[in-house]
Amino acid sequence: MAVKILTDSTSYLKEQIREELDIRMVSLNIAFEDESIREMDIDNDSFYSKMALKGIPTSSQPAVGELYDAMLKVVEKGDDLCCIFLSSEMSGTLATGELVKEMILEKHPEARIEIIDSRSNCMQLGFAVISAARAAKEGKAIEAVNRKGYGLTKKLSFMF
């Protein structure tokens, strides 16, 4: 049994890093006046071009179904899951993660799912995810992986 890492798109981890460290990611959504786009489906140049034309968009947390599917795939393989999400003070992503965790546990009560409030976003969140993913790749147990991710979020939050 391995520990897998799940984060959200506000960690802005490049695909190469996600592949190297076996990190899963769910996407927040961006809404302009006339369209909604998954954050992971738009590059920076396109985003800023749209913003210049349409103004500042709003965002919303990942869809429940996307989060459920991502978590379920890990659990059904028998792996533990450590989720590190965008700050609960900035988004409902963490609350949705907790809701989905309970849904998964109803179906798979043996599942081990830990959810960490990064209390941050962007690369500060990304660094915590990378730290946890490295511990998971080393074969550490979920408690150690959780400490790596959570510990770094605490250290980094004091810097800002």
N, C-alpha and C. Protein backbone atom coordinates (compact mmCIF):
# COMPACT_ATOMS: atom_id res chain seq x y z
N MET A 1 0.84 -1.17 0.00
CA MET A 1 0.00 0.00 0.00
C MET A 1 0.89 1.24 0.00
N ALA A 2 0.63 2.15 -0.92
CA ALA A 2 1.39 3.39 -1.04
C ALA A 2 0.52 4.56 -0.58
N VAL A 3 1.15 5.71 -0.43
CA VAL A 3 0.44 6.95 -0.14
C VAL A 3 0.47 7.79 -1.41
N LYS A 4 -0.67 8.25 -1.84
CA LYS A 4 -0.78 9.12 -3.01
C LYS A 4 -1.15 10.52 -2.55
N ILE A 5 -0.76 11.51 -3.34
CA ILE A 5 -0.99 12.91 -3.02
C ILE A 5 -1.98 13.50 -4.01
N LEU A 6 -2.92 14.29 -3.48
CA LEU A 6 -3.89 15.00 -4.31
C LEU A 6 -3.89 16.46 -3.88
N THR A 7 -3.84 17.36 -4.85
CA THR A 7 -3.89 18.78 -4.57
C THR A 7 -4.83 19.43 -5.57
N ASP A 8 -4.94 20.74 -5.49
CA ASP A 8 -5.77 21.46 -6.45
C ASP A 8 -4.90 22.34 -7.34
N SER A 9 -5.52 22.86 -8.38
CA SER A 9 -4.78 23.59 -9.41
C SER A 9 -4.15 24.88 -8.92
N THR A 10 -4.54 25.39 -7.75
CA THR A 10 -3.92 26.62 -7.26
C THR A 10 -2.50 26.40 -6.75
N SER A 11 -2.04 25.14 -6.73
CA SER A 11 -0.64 24.87 -6.38
C SER A 11 0.27 25.17 -7.56
N TYR A 12 -0.30 25.24 -8.76
CA TYR A 12 0.42 25.58 -10.00
C TYR A 12 1.66 24.73 -10.24
N LEU A 13 1.56 23.46 -9.89
CA LEU A 13 2.68 22.55 -10.14
C LEU A 13 2.71 22.15 -11.60
N LYS A 14 3.87 22.23 -12.19
CA LYS A 14 4.04 21.84 -13.59
C LYS A 14 3.80 20.35 -13.75
N GLU A 15 3.36 19.97 -14.94
CA GLU A 15 3.06 18.57 -15.23
C GLU A 15 4.26 17.67 -14.99
N GLN A 16 5.44 18.12 -15.34
CA GLN A 16 6.66 17.33 -15.15
C GLN A 16 6.86 16.97 -13.68
N ILE A 17 6.67 17.93 -12.79
CA ILE A 17 6.83 17.67 -11.35
C ILE A 17 5.73 16.72 -10.87
N ARG A 18 4.51 16.94 -11.34
CA ARG A 18 3.41 16.05 -10.94
C ARG A 18 3.67 14.62 -11.37
N GLU A 19 4.17 14.46 -12.59
CA GLU A 19 4.47 13.10 -13.08
C GLU A 19 5.62 12.47 -12.30
N GLU A 20 6.68 13.23 -12.10
CA GLU A 20 7.86 12.72 -11.39
C GLU A 20 7.52 12.26 -9.97
N LEU A 21 6.65 13.02 -9.28
CA LEU A 21 6.33 12.73 -7.89
C LEU A 21 4.96 12.07 -7.72
N ASP A 22 4.31 11.71 -8.83
CA ASP A 22 3.04 10.99 -8.80
C ASP A 22 1.97 11.77 -8.03
N ILE A 23 1.81 13.04 -8.37
CA ILE A 23 0.85 13.92 -7.71
C ILE A 23 -0.40 14.05 -8.59
N ARG A 24 -1.56 13.87 -7.97
CA ARG A 24 -2.82 14.05 -8.67
C ARG A 24 -3.31 15.48 -8.42
N MET A 25 -4.07 16.02 -9.38
CA MET A 25 -4.55 17.39 -9.25
C MET A 25 -5.98 17.50 -9.76
N VAL A 26 -6.80 18.24 -9.01
CA VAL A 26 -8.14 18.59 -9.46
C VAL A 26 -8.15 20.08 -9.75
N SER A 27 -9.03 20.49 -10.66
CA SER A 27 -9.02 21.86 -11.14
C SER A 27 -10.10 22.73 -10.52
N LEU A 28 -9.71 23.94 -10.11
CA LEU A 28 -10.70 24.95 -9.80
C LEU A 28 -11.25 25.45 -11.14
N ASN A 29 -12.29 26.23 -11.09
CA ASN A 29 -12.91 26.75 -12.30
C ASN A 29 -12.85 28.27 -12.31
N ILE A 30 -12.70 28.82 -13.50
CA ILE A 30 -12.63 30.27 -13.68
C ILE A 30 -13.84 30.67 -14.52
N ALA A 31 -14.55 31.70 -14.07
CA ALA A 31 -15.74 32.15 -14.81
C ALA A 31 -15.60 33.60 -15.23
N PHE A 32 -15.62 33.79 -16.56
CA PHE A 32 -15.75 35.13 -17.11
C PHE A 32 -17.25 35.36 -17.32
N GLU A 33 -17.64 36.53 -17.76
CA GLU A 33 -19.07 36.84 -17.94
C GLU A 33 -19.79 35.78 -18.77
N ASP A 34 -19.17 35.32 -19.83
CA ASP A 34 -19.87 34.47 -20.79
C ASP A 34 -19.31 33.05 -20.92
N GLU A 35 -18.35 32.69 -20.08
CA GLU A 35 -17.80 31.33 -20.17
C GLU A 35 -17.13 30.91 -18.87
N SER A 36 -17.14 29.61 -18.67
CA SER A 36 -16.48 29.00 -17.53
C SER A 36 -15.43 28.04 -18.05
N ILE A 37 -14.24 28.07 -17.44
CA ILE A 37 -13.11 27.27 -17.91
C ILE A 37 -12.47 26.60 -16.70
N ARG A 38 -12.09 25.34 -16.86
CA ARG A 38 -11.28 24.69 -15.81
C ARG A 38 -9.92 25.38 -15.82
N GLU A 39 -9.43 25.73 -14.67
CA GLU A 39 -8.16 26.43 -14.56
C GLU A 39 -7.02 25.66 -15.23
N MET A 40 -7.08 24.33 -15.16
CA MET A 40 -6.02 23.50 -15.75
C MET A 40 -6.10 23.46 -17.28
N ASP A 41 -7.17 23.98 -17.85
CA ASP A 41 -7.36 23.92 -19.30
C ASP A 41 -7.04 25.23 -20.02
N ILE A 42 -6.42 26.17 -19.33
CA ILE A 42 -6.07 27.44 -19.97
C ILE A 42 -4.64 27.81 -19.59
N ASP A 43 -3.87 28.23 -20.58
CA ASP A 43 -2.50 28.66 -20.29
C ASP A 43 -2.49 30.13 -19.88
N ASN A 44 -1.38 30.58 -19.34
CA ASN A 44 -1.30 31.95 -18.83
C ASN A 44 -1.56 33.00 -19.90
N ASP A 45 -0.98 32.83 -21.09
CA ASP A 45 -1.17 33.83 -22.15
C ASP A 45 -2.65 33.97 -22.51
N SER A 46 -3.33 32.85 -22.66
CA SER A 46 -4.76 32.89 -22.99
C SER A 46 -5.57 33.50 -21.86
N PHE A 47 -5.21 33.15 -20.63
CA PHE A 47 -5.92 33.69 -19.47
C PHE A 47 -5.81 35.21 -19.45
N TYR A 48 -4.59 35.74 -19.58
CA TYR A 48 -4.41 37.18 -19.50
C TYR A 48 -5.02 37.90 -20.70
N SER A 49 -5.04 37.27 -21.86
CA SER A 49 -5.72 37.85 -23.02
C SER A 49 -7.22 37.97 -22.76
N LYS A 50 -7.81 36.91 -22.23
CA LYS A 50 -9.24 36.95 -21.90
C LYS A 50 -9.52 37.99 -20.83
N MET A 51 -8.64 38.07 -19.85
CA MET A 51 -8.84 39.03 -18.78
C MET A 51 -8.78 40.46 -19.31
N ALA A 52 -7.89 40.72 -20.27
CA ALA A 52 -7.79 42.06 -20.86
C ALA A 52 -9.08 42.44 -21.58
N LEU A 53 -9.73 41.45 -22.19
CA LEU A 53 -10.97 41.69 -22.93
C LEU A 53 -12.22 41.66 -22.05
N LYS A 54 -12.23 40.78 -21.08
CA LYS A 54 -13.47 40.51 -20.34
C LYS A 54 -13.44 40.93 -18.88
N GLY A 55 -12.30 41.37 -18.39
CA GLY A 55 -12.22 41.77 -16.99
C GLY A 55 -11.78 40.61 -16.09
N ILE A 56 -11.77 40.89 -14.81
CA ILE A 56 -11.30 39.92 -13.83
C ILE A 56 -12.38 38.85 -13.62
N PRO A 57 -11.98 37.58 -13.75
CA PRO A 57 -12.97 36.51 -13.57
C PRO A 57 -13.18 36.19 -12.09
N THR A 58 -14.19 35.38 -11.85
CA THR A 58 -14.37 34.80 -10.52
C THR A 58 -13.89 33.36 -10.61
N SER A 59 -13.76 32.73 -9.46
CA SER A 59 -13.34 31.32 -9.47
C SER A 59 -14.26 30.53 -8.56
N SER A 60 -14.26 29.23 -8.77
CA SER A 60 -15.04 28.35 -7.90
C SER A 60 -14.27 27.07 -7.68
N GLN A 61 -14.59 26.41 -6.61
CA GLN A 61 -13.90 25.18 -6.20
C GLN A 61 -14.10 24.07 -7.21
N PRO A 62 -13.30 23.02 -7.11
CA PRO A 62 -13.45 21.89 -8.02
C PRO A 62 -14.85 21.28 -7.90
N ALA A 63 -15.32 20.72 -8.99
CA ALA A 63 -16.62 20.05 -8.99
C ALA A 63 -16.55 18.83 -8.06
N VAL A 64 -17.64 18.58 -7.35
CA VAL A 64 -17.71 17.44 -6.43
C VAL A 64 -17.40 16.15 -7.18
N GLY A 65 -17.95 15.99 -8.38
CA GLY A 65 -17.73 14.77 -9.15
C GLY A 65 -16.27 14.56 -9.52
N GLU A 66 -15.57 15.62 -9.89
CA GLU A 66 -14.15 15.51 -10.24
C GLU A 66 -13.34 15.10 -9.01
N LEU A 67 -13.64 15.72 -7.89
CA LEU A 67 -12.92 15.40 -6.66
C LEU A 67 -13.23 13.96 -6.21
N TYR A 68 -14.48 13.58 -6.30
CA TYR A 68 -14.89 12.21 -5.93
C TYR A 68 -14.17 11.19 -6.79
N ASP A 69 -14.16 11.40 -8.10
CA ASP A 69 -13.49 10.45 -9.01
C ASP A 69 -12.00 10.34 -8.70
N ALA A 70 -11.36 11.47 -8.46
CA ALA A 70 -9.92 11.47 -8.18
C ALA A 70 -9.62 10.72 -6.88
N MET A 71 -10.42 10.93 -5.86
CA MET A 71 -10.20 10.27 -4.57
C MET A 71 -10.53 8.78 -4.67
N LEU A 72 -11.61 8.47 -5.34
CA LEU A 72 -12.06 7.08 -5.44
C LEU A 72 -11.04 6.21 -6.18
N LYS A 73 -10.43 6.75 -7.24
CA LYS A 73 -9.42 5.98 -7.99
C LYS A 73 -8.27 5.53 -7.10
N VAL A 74 -7.85 6.39 -6.21
CA VAL A 74 -6.75 6.06 -5.30
C VAL A 74 -7.19 5.00 -4.30
N VAL A 75 -8.33 5.23 -3.68
CA VAL A 75 -8.83 4.34 -2.63
C VAL A 75 -9.12 2.95 -3.20
N GLU A 76 -9.70 2.88 -4.40
CA GLU A 76 -10.04 1.58 -4.98
C GLU A 76 -8.81 0.75 -5.34
N LYS A 77 -7.66 1.41 -5.48
CA LYS A 77 -6.41 0.68 -5.71
C LYS A 77 -5.78 0.21 -4.40
N GLY A 78 -6.39 0.59 -3.28
CA GLY A 78 -5.89 0.18 -1.98
C GLY A 78 -4.84 1.10 -1.39
N ASP A 79 -4.63 2.26 -2.00
CA ASP A 79 -3.64 3.21 -1.50
C ASP A 79 -4.25 4.19 -0.51
N ASP A 80 -3.41 4.75 0.35
CA ASP A 80 -3.82 5.83 1.24
C ASP A 80 -3.74 7.13 0.46
N LEU A 81 -4.43 8.15 0.96
CA LEU A 81 -4.50 9.41 0.23
C LEU A 81 -4.27 10.58 1.17
N CYS A 82 -3.35 11.45 0.78
CA CYS A 82 -3.08 12.70 1.50
C CYS A 82 -3.46 13.84 0.56
N CYS A 83 -4.47 14.62 0.95
CA CYS A 83 -4.95 15.74 0.13
C CYS A 83 -4.48 17.04 0.77
N ILE A 84 -3.86 17.89 -0.02
CA ILE A 84 -3.40 19.19 0.46
C ILE A 84 -4.03 20.23 -0.45
N PHE A 85 -4.93 21.04 0.15
CA PHE A 85 -5.74 21.95 -0.65
C PHE A 85 -5.52 23.42 -0.29
N LEU A 86 -5.96 24.25 -1.18
CA LEU A 86 -6.01 25.70 -1.03
C LEU A 86 -6.60 26.07 0.33
N SER A 87 -6.14 27.16 0.90
CA SER A 87 -6.60 27.62 2.21
C SER A 87 -8.11 27.66 2.32
N SER A 88 -8.62 27.17 3.44
CA SER A 88 -10.06 27.21 3.69
C SER A 88 -10.55 28.65 3.86
N GLU A 89 -9.65 29.58 4.09
CA GLU A 89 -10.02 30.99 4.22
C GLU A 89 -10.21 31.65 2.85
N MET A 90 -9.79 30.95 1.79
CA MET A 90 -9.89 31.52 0.44
C MET A 90 -10.88 30.79 -0.45
N SER A 91 -11.26 29.59 -0.07
CA SER A 91 -12.06 28.75 -0.96
C SER A 91 -12.82 27.69 -0.17
N GLY A 92 -13.83 27.15 -0.79
CA GLY A 92 -14.58 26.04 -0.22
C GLY A 92 -14.00 24.69 -0.62
N THR A 93 -12.85 24.68 -1.28
CA THR A 93 -12.24 23.44 -1.75
C THR A 93 -12.02 22.45 -0.62
N LEU A 94 -11.49 22.91 0.50
CA LEU A 94 -11.24 22.03 1.63
C LEU A 94 -12.54 21.43 2.16
N ALA A 95 -13.59 22.25 2.30
CA ALA A 95 -14.88 21.75 2.78
C ALA A 95 -15.45 20.71 1.82
N THR A 96 -15.30 20.95 0.54
CA THR A 96 -15.76 19.97 -0.45
C THR A 96 -14.94 18.69 -0.33
N GLY A 97 -13.65 18.82 -0.10
CA GLY A 97 -12.80 17.65 0.10
C GLY A 97 -13.25 16.83 1.29
N GLU A 98 -13.60 17.50 2.38
CA GLU A 98 -14.09 16.80 3.58
C GLU A 98 -15.42 16.09 3.29
N LEU A 99 -16.30 16.75 2.55
CA LEU A 99 -17.58 16.15 2.17
C LEU A 99 -17.36 14.90 1.33
N VAL A 100 -16.48 15.01 0.34
CA VAL A 100 -16.19 13.87 -0.54
C VAL A 100 -15.52 12.75 0.23
N LYS A 101 -14.65 13.10 1.15
CA LYS A 101 -14.01 12.08 2.01
C LYS A 101 -15.08 11.25 2.71
N GLU A 102 -16.07 11.91 3.29
CA GLU A 102 -17.15 11.19 3.98
C GLU A 102 -17.94 10.31 3.02
N MET A 103 -18.16 10.79 1.81
CA MET A 103 -18.86 9.99 0.79
C MET A 103 -18.06 8.73 0.47
N ILE A 104 -16.74 8.89 0.33
CA ILE A 104 -15.87 7.75 0.01
C ILE A 104 -15.86 6.76 1.18
N LEU A 105 -15.77 7.28 2.40
CA LEU A 105 -15.72 6.40 3.58
C LEU A 105 -17.01 5.61 3.78
N GLU A 106 -18.12 6.14 3.32
CA GLU A 106 -19.38 5.38 3.40
C GLU A 106 -19.29 4.12 2.54
N LYS A 107 -18.63 4.26 1.39
CA LYS A 107 -18.49 3.14 0.45
C LYS A 107 -17.27 2.27 0.79
N HIS A 108 -16.22 2.90 1.30
CA HIS A 108 -14.96 2.22 1.62
C HIS A 108 -14.50 2.62 3.02
N PRO A 109 -15.11 2.06 4.07
CA PRO A 109 -14.78 2.47 5.44
C PRO A 109 -13.34 2.20 5.85
N GLU A 110 -12.66 1.32 5.13
CA GLU A 110 -11.26 1.00 5.44
C GLU A 110 -10.28 2.03 4.87
N ALA A 111 -10.76 2.92 4.05
CA ALA A 111 -9.89 3.90 3.37
C ALA A 111 -9.23 4.83 4.39
N ARG A 112 -8.00 5.19 4.07
CA ARG A 112 -7.27 6.15 4.90
C ARG A 112 -7.05 7.40 4.06
N ILE A 113 -7.77 8.45 4.42
CA ILE A 113 -7.71 9.72 3.69
C ILE A 113 -7.44 10.83 4.69
N GLU A 114 -6.38 11.57 4.47
CA GLU A 114 -6.05 12.72 5.30
C GLU A 114 -6.21 13.98 4.45
N ILE A 115 -6.80 15.01 5.03
CA ILE A 115 -6.98 16.27 4.30
C ILE A 115 -6.31 17.38 5.09
N ILE A 116 -5.45 18.12 4.41
CA ILE A 116 -4.68 19.19 5.04
C ILE A 116 -5.11 20.54 4.48
N ASP A 117 -5.38 21.47 5.37
CA ASP A 117 -5.64 22.85 4.99
C ASP A 117 -4.27 23.53 4.89
N SER A 118 -3.85 23.85 3.69
CA SER A 118 -2.53 24.45 3.50
C SER A 118 -2.44 25.84 4.10
N ARG A 119 -3.60 26.46 4.31
CA ARG A 119 -3.66 27.85 4.79
C ARG A 119 -2.85 28.77 3.90
N SER A 120 -2.75 28.39 2.61
CA SER A 120 -1.99 29.16 1.65
C SER A 120 -2.51 28.87 0.24
N ASN A 121 -1.79 29.36 -0.74
CA ASN A 121 -2.09 29.05 -2.13
C ASN A 121 -0.82 29.21 -2.96
N CYS A 122 -0.95 29.07 -4.23
CA CYS A 122 0.15 29.22 -5.19
C CYS A 122 1.35 28.34 -4.81
N MET A 123 2.55 28.82 -5.00
CA MET A 123 3.72 27.95 -4.77
C MET A 123 3.95 27.63 -3.32
N GLN A 124 3.43 28.44 -2.40
CA GLN A 124 3.54 28.06 -0.99
C GLN A 124 2.81 26.74 -0.79
N LEU A 125 1.62 26.61 -1.37
CA LEU A 125 0.89 25.34 -1.37
C LEU A 125 1.68 24.29 -2.13
N GLY A 126 2.22 24.66 -3.29
CA GLY A 126 3.00 23.73 -4.11
C GLY A 126 4.19 23.14 -3.37
N PHE A 127 4.90 23.95 -2.59
CA PHE A 127 6.05 23.44 -1.84
C PHE A 127 5.62 22.40 -0.81
N ALA A 128 4.48 22.64 -0.14
CA ALA A 128 3.98 21.66 0.82
C ALA A 128 3.61 20.35 0.12
N VAL A 129 3.00 20.46 -1.05
CA VAL A 129 2.62 19.27 -1.83
C VAL A 129 3.87 18.50 -2.25
N ILE A 130 4.88 19.19 -2.75
CA ILE A 130 6.13 18.55 -3.16
C ILE A 130 6.79 17.84 -1.98
N SER A 131 6.83 18.49 -0.84
CA SER A 131 7.43 17.89 0.36
C SER A 131 6.72 16.60 0.73
N ALA A 132 5.39 16.62 0.75
CA ALA A 132 4.61 15.42 1.07
C ALA A 132 4.81 14.34 0.01
N ALA A 133 4.84 14.74 -1.25
CA ALA A 133 4.99 13.77 -2.35
C ALA A 133 6.35 13.08 -2.29
N ARG A 134 7.38 13.82 -1.92
CA ARG A 134 8.70 13.20 -1.79
C ARG A 134 8.70 12.16 -0.67
N ALA A 135 8.04 12.48 0.42
CA ALA A 135 7.95 11.51 1.53
C ALA A 135 7.17 10.27 1.08
N ALA A 136 6.10 10.47 0.33
CA ALA A 136 5.31 9.35 -0.18
C ALA A 136 6.14 8.49 -1.12
N LYS A 137 6.91 9.15 -1.98
CA LYS A 137 7.75 8.42 -2.94
C LYS A 137 8.83 7.60 -2.23
N GLU A 138 9.26 8.07 -1.06
CA GLU A 138 10.25 7.34 -0.26
C GLU A 138 9.61 6.15 0.46
N GLY A 139 8.29 6.00 0.34
CA GLY A 139 7.60 4.88 0.96
C GLY A 139 7.16 5.13 2.39
N LYS A 140 7.15 6.38 2.81
CA LYS A 140 6.73 6.71 4.18
C LYS A 140 5.25 6.40 4.36
N ALA A 141 4.85 6.13 5.60
CA ALA A 141 3.45 5.90 5.96
C ALA A 141 2.68 7.21 5.89
N ILE A 142 1.36 7.11 5.82
CA ILE A 142 0.53 8.31 5.65
C ILE A 142 0.74 9.32 6.77
N GLU A 143 0.99 8.87 8.00
CA GLU A 143 1.22 9.80 9.10
C GLU A 143 2.46 10.66 8.86
N ALA A 144 3.52 10.05 8.35
CA ALA A 144 4.76 10.78 8.05
C ALA A 144 4.57 11.72 6.87
N VAL A 145 3.84 11.25 5.86
CA VAL A 145 3.57 12.09 4.69
C VAL A 145 2.74 13.30 5.12
N ASN A 146 1.75 13.05 5.94
CA ASN A 146 0.89 14.11 6.45
C ASN A 146 1.72 15.14 7.22
N ARG A 147 2.62 14.66 8.09
CA ARG A 147 3.47 15.58 8.86
C ARG A 147 4.34 16.43 7.94
N LYS A 148 4.87 15.83 6.87
CA LYS A 148 5.72 16.58 5.94
C LYS A 148 4.92 17.71 5.29
N GLY A 149 3.74 17.39 4.78
CA GLY A 149 2.92 18.41 4.13
C GLY A 149 2.43 19.46 5.10
N TYR A 150 1.88 19.01 6.23
CA TYR A 150 1.34 19.94 7.22
C TYR A 150 2.45 20.76 7.87
N GLY A 151 3.56 20.10 8.19
CA GLY A 151 4.67 20.79 8.84
C GLY A 151 5.21 21.92 7.99
N LEU A 152 5.32 21.69 6.69
CA LEU A 152 5.83 22.74 5.82
C LEU A 152 4.82 23.88 5.71
N THR A 153 3.53 23.58 5.69
CA THR A 153 2.54 24.67 5.61
C THR A 153 2.64 25.56 6.84
N LYS A 154 2.88 24.96 8.00
CA LYS A 154 3.02 25.75 9.23
C LYS A 154 4.28 26.61 9.18
N LYS A 155 5.40 26.03 8.74
CA LYS A 155 6.65 26.79 8.67
C LYS A 155 6.52 27.96 7.69
N LEU A 156 5.96 27.69 6.52
CA LEU A 156 5.85 28.72 5.51
C LEU A 156 4.87 29.82 5.89
N SER A 157 3.81 29.48 6.62
CA SER A 157 2.82 30.49 6.98
C SER A 157 3.41 31.53 7.95
N PHE A 158 4.42 31.16 8.70
CA PHE A 158 5.05 32.12 9.61
C PHE A 158 5.96 33.08 8.86
N MET A 159 6.33 32.73 7.65
CA MET A 159 7.22 33.59 6.87
C MET A 159 6.47 34.76 6.25
N PHE A 160 5.17 34.64 6.12
CA PHE A 160 4.40 35.67 5.38
C PHE A 160 3.49 36.47 6.27
